[in-house]
Amino acid sequence: MWESLGFASPQMRGIDERAEQFISRFRAEMEFQEKIARLL
């Protein structure tokens, strides 16, 4: 995504990786809460 805007710098890549980690952690948390909600 950033490459097309010309932001393909190592710094932007680092931010992108952190965002990916945050999103995947957030999704895992949501799935976990959904499982708990079904059990309750």
PDB file of N, CA and C in Angstrom:
ATOM      1  N   MET A   1       0.830  -1.207   0.000  1.00  0.00           N
ATOM      2  CA  MET A   1       0.000   0.000   0.000  1.00  0.00           C
ATOM      3  C   MET A   1       0.864   1.256   0.000  1.00  0.00           C
ATOM      4  N   TRP A   2       1.814   1.312   0.953  1.00  0.00           N
ATOM      5  CA  TRP A   2       2.657   2.513   1.060  1.00  0.00           C
ATOM      6  C   TRP A   2       3.579   2.672  -0.146  1.00  0.00           C
ATOM      7  N   GLU A   3       3.967   1.546  -0.750  1.00  0.00           N
ATOM      8  CA  GLU A   3       4.893   1.611  -1.882  1.00  0.00           C
ATOM      9  C   GLU A   3       4.344   2.492  -2.992  1.00  0.00           C
ATOM     10  N   SER A   4       3.046   2.388  -3.256  1.00  0.00           N
ATOM     11  CA  SER A   4       2.437   3.162  -4.341  1.00  0.00           C
ATOM     12  C   SER A   4       2.455   4.658  -4.032  1.00  0.00           C
ATOM     13  N   LEU A   5       2.521   4.994  -2.729  1.00  0.00           N
ATOM     14  CA  LEU A   5       2.556   6.407  -2.341  1.00  0.00           C
ATOM     15  C   LEU A   5       3.990   6.922  -2.246  1.00  0.00           C
ATOM     16  N   GLY A   6       4.965   6.022  -2.431  1.00  0.00           N
ATOM     17  CA  GLY A   6       6.364   6.430  -2.379  1.00  0.00           C
ATOM     18  C   GLY A   6       6.917   6.464  -0.969  1.00  0.00           C
ATOM     19  N   PHE A   7       6.275   5.727  -0.047  1.00  0.00           N
ATOM     20  CA  PHE A   7       6.737   5.717   1.347  1.00  0.00           C
ATOM     21  C   PHE A   7       7.450   4.411   1.692  1.00  0.00           C
ATOM     22  N   ALA A   8       8.077   3.788   0.696  1.00  0.00           N
ATOM     23  CA  ALA A   8       8.687   2.475   0.921  1.00  0.00           C
ATOM     24  C   ALA A   8      10.022   2.580   1.651  1.00  0.00           C
ATOM     25  N   SER A   9      10.074   3.372   2.708  1.00  0.00           N
ATOM     26  CA  SER A   9      11.294   3.510   3.496  1.00  0.00           C
ATOM     27  C   SER A   9      11.299   2.472   4.615  1.00  0.00           C
ATOM     28  N   PRO A  10      12.477   2.119   5.127  1.00  0.00           N
ATOM     29  CA  PRO A  10      12.552   1.150   6.237  1.00  0.00           C
ATOM     30  C   PRO A  10      11.706   1.587   7.428  1.00  0.00           C
ATOM     31  N   GLN A  11      11.664   2.888   7.678  1.00  0.00           N
ATOM     32  CA  GLN A  11      10.885   3.413   8.799  1.00  0.00           C
ATOM     33  C   GLN A  11       9.406   3.083   8.630  1.00  0.00           C
ATOM     34  N   MET A  12       8.873   3.332   7.433  1.00  0.00           N
ATOM     35  CA  MET A  12       7.469   3.048   7.168  1.00  0.00           C
ATOM     36  C   MET A  12       7.199   1.552   7.266  1.00  0.00           C
ATOM     37  N   ARG A  13       8.164   0.748   6.820  1.00  0.00           N
ATOM     38  CA  ARG A  13       8.002  -0.702   6.882  1.00  0.00           C
ATOM     39  C   ARG A  13       7.904  -1.155   8.336  1.00  0.00           C
ATOM     40  N   GLY A  14       8.695  -0.538   9.201  1.00  0.00           N
ATOM     41  CA  GLY A  14       8.652  -0.863  10.625  1.00  0.00           C
ATOM     42  C   GLY A  14       7.302  -0.534  11.227  1.00  0.00           C
ATOM     43  N   ILE A  15       6.759   0.626  10.865  1.00  0.00           N
ATOM     44  CA  ILE A  15       5.441   1.034  11.351  1.00  0.00           C
ATOM     45  C   ILE A  15       4.389   0.062  10.840  1.00  0.00           C
ATOM     46  N   ASP A  16       4.516  -0.329   9.583  1.00  0.00           N
ATOM     47  CA  ASP A  16       3.574  -1.264   8.965  1.00  0.00           C
ATOM     48  C   ASP A  16       3.576  -2.599   9.705  1.00  0.00           C
ATOM     49  N   GLU A  17       4.779  -3.097  10.027  1.00  0.00           N
ATOM     50  CA  GLU A  17       4.889  -4.374  10.738  1.00  0.00           C
ATOM     51  C   GLU A  17       4.239  -4.287  12.106  1.00  0.00           C
ATOM     52  N   ARG A  18       4.452  -3.158  12.791  1.00  0.00           N
ATOM     53  CA  ARG A  18       3.853  -2.988  14.112  1.00  0.00           C
ATOM     54  C   ARG A  18       2.335  -2.926  14.009  1.00  0.00           C
ATOM     55  N   ALA A  19       1.846  -2.275  12.973  1.00  0.00           N
ATOM     56  CA  ALA A  19       0.395  -2.193  12.753  1.00  0.00           C
ATOM     57  C   ALA A  19      -0.173  -3.585  12.497  1.00  0.00           C
ATOM     58  N   GLU A  20       0.542  -4.382  11.698  1.00  0.00           N
ATOM     59  CA  GLU A  20       0.096  -5.752  11.415  1.00  0.00           C
ATOM     60  C   GLU A  20       0.011  -6.563  12.706  1.00  0.00           C
ATOM     61  N   GLN A  21       1.034  -6.434  13.553  1.00  0.00           N
ATOM     62  CA  GLN A  21       1.048  -7.159  14.823  1.00  0.00           C
ATOM     63  C   GLN A  21      -0.123  -6.727  15.693  1.00  0.00           C
ATOM     64  N   PHE A  22      -0.372  -5.417  15.748  1.00  0.00           N
ATOM     65  CA  PHE A  22      -1.468  -4.887  16.557  1.00  0.00           C
ATOM     66  C   PHE A  22      -2.807  -5.421  16.068  1.00  0.00           C
ATOM     67  N   ILE A  23      -2.999  -5.402  14.746  1.00  0.00           N
ATOM     68  CA  ILE A  23      -4.263  -5.860  14.158  1.00  0.00           C
ATOM     69  C   ILE A  23      -4.475  -7.352  14.423  1.00  0.00           C
ATOM     70  N   SER A  24      -3.432  -8.159  14.234  1.00  0.00           N
ATOM     71  CA  SER A  24      -3.579  -9.603  14.454  1.00  0.00           C
ATOM     72  C   SER A  24      -3.855  -9.899  15.922  1.00  0.00           C
ATOM     73  N   ARG A  25      -3.214  -9.130  16.834  1.00  0.00           N
ATOM     74  CA  ARG A  25      -3.459  -9.312  18.262  1.00  0.00           C
ATOM     75  C   ARG A  25      -4.890  -8.917  18.606  1.00  0.00           C
ATOM     76  N   PHE A  26      -5.346  -7.824  17.993  1.00  0.00           N
ATOM     77  CA  PHE A  26      -6.709  -7.339  18.212  1.00  0.00           C
ATOM     78  C   PHE A  26      -7.731  -8.374  17.741  1.00  0.00           C
ATOM     79  N   ARG A  27      -7.484  -8.951  16.559  1.00  0.00           N
ATOM     80  CA  ARG A  27      -8.392  -9.973  16.017  1.00  0.00           C
ATOM     81  C   ARG A  27      -8.434 -11.191  16.922  1.00  0.00           C
ATOM     82  N   ALA A  28      -7.264 -11.627  17.397  1.00  0.00           N
ATOM     83  CA  ALA A  28      -7.200 -12.788  18.288  1.00  0.00           C
ATOM     84  C   ALA A  28      -7.984 -12.507  19.567  1.00  0.00           C
ATOM     85  N   GLU A  29      -7.853 -11.302  20.087  1.00  0.00           N
ATOM     86  CA  GLU A  29      -8.576 -10.898  21.293  1.00  0.00           C
ATOM     87  C   GLU A  29     -10.081 -10.938  21.057  1.00  0.00           C
ATOM     88  N   MET A  30     -10.521 -10.435  19.905  1.00  0.00           N
ATOM     89  CA  MET A  30     -11.945 -10.429  19.576  1.00  0.00           C
ATOM     90  C   MET A  30     -12.478 -11.860  19.480  1.00  0.00           C
ATOM     91  N   GLU A  31     -11.729 -12.741  18.816  1.00  0.00           N
ATOM     92  CA  GLU A  31     -12.142 -14.140  18.687  1.00  0.00           C
ATOM     93  C   GLU A  31     -12.238 -14.796  20.058  1.00  0.00           C
ATOM     94  N   PHE A  32     -11.274 -14.503  20.917  1.00  0.00           N
ATOM     95  CA  PHE A  32     -11.248 -15.053  22.269  1.00  0.00           C
ATOM     96  C   PHE A  32     -12.488 -14.613  23.042  1.00  0.00           C
ATOM     97  N   GLN A  33     -12.828 -13.330  22.950  1.00  0.00           N
ATOM     98  CA  GLN A  33     -14.003 -12.811  23.655  1.00  0.00           C
ATOM     99  C   GLN A  33     -15.292 -13.402  23.094  1.00  0.00           C
ATOM    100  N   GLU A  34     -15.331 -13.646  21.786  1.00  0.00           N
ATOM    101  CA  GLU A  34     -16.518 -14.270  21.183  1.00  0.00           C
ATOM    102  C   GLU A  34     -16.709 -15.684  21.728  1.00  0.00           C
ATOM    103  N   LYS A  35     -15.607 -16.435  21.869  1.00  0.00           N
ATOM    104  CA  LYS A  35     -15.685 -17.794  22.412  1.00  0.00           C
ATOM    105  C   LYS A  35     -16.215 -17.761  23.839  1.00  0.00           C
ATOM    106  N   ILE A  36     -15.707 -16.836  24.644  1.00  0.00           N
ATOM    107  CA  ILE A  36     -16.162 -16.701  26.028  1.00  0.00           C
ATOM    108  C   ILE A  36     -17.638 -16.320  26.060  1.00  0.00           C
ATOM    109  N   ALA A  37     -18.044 -15.402  25.199  1.00  0.00           N
ATOM    110  CA  ALA A  37     -19.446 -14.963  25.149  1.00  0.00           C
ATOM    111  C   ALA A  37     -20.368 -16.139  24.830  1.00  0.00           C
ATOM    112  N   ARG A  38     -19.908 -17.055  23.969  1.00  0.00           N
ATOM    113  CA  ARG A  38     -20.727 -18.224  23.626  1.00  0.00           C
ATOM    114  C   ARG A  38     -20.860 -19.168  24.814  1.00  0.00           C
ATOM    115  N   LEU A  39     -19.804 -19.250  25.616  1.00  0.00           N
ATOM    116  CA  LEU A  39     -19.829 -20.148  26.775  1.00  0.00           C
ATOM    117  C   LEU A  39     -20.715 -19.604  27.893  1.00  0.00           C
ATOM    118  N   LEU A  40     -20.830 -18.307  28.002  1.00  0.00           N
ATOM    119  CA  LEU A  40     -21.623 -17.701  29.085  1.00  0.00           C
ATOM    120  C   LEU A  40     -23.114 -17.818  28.830  1.00  0.00           C
TER     121      LEU A  40
END
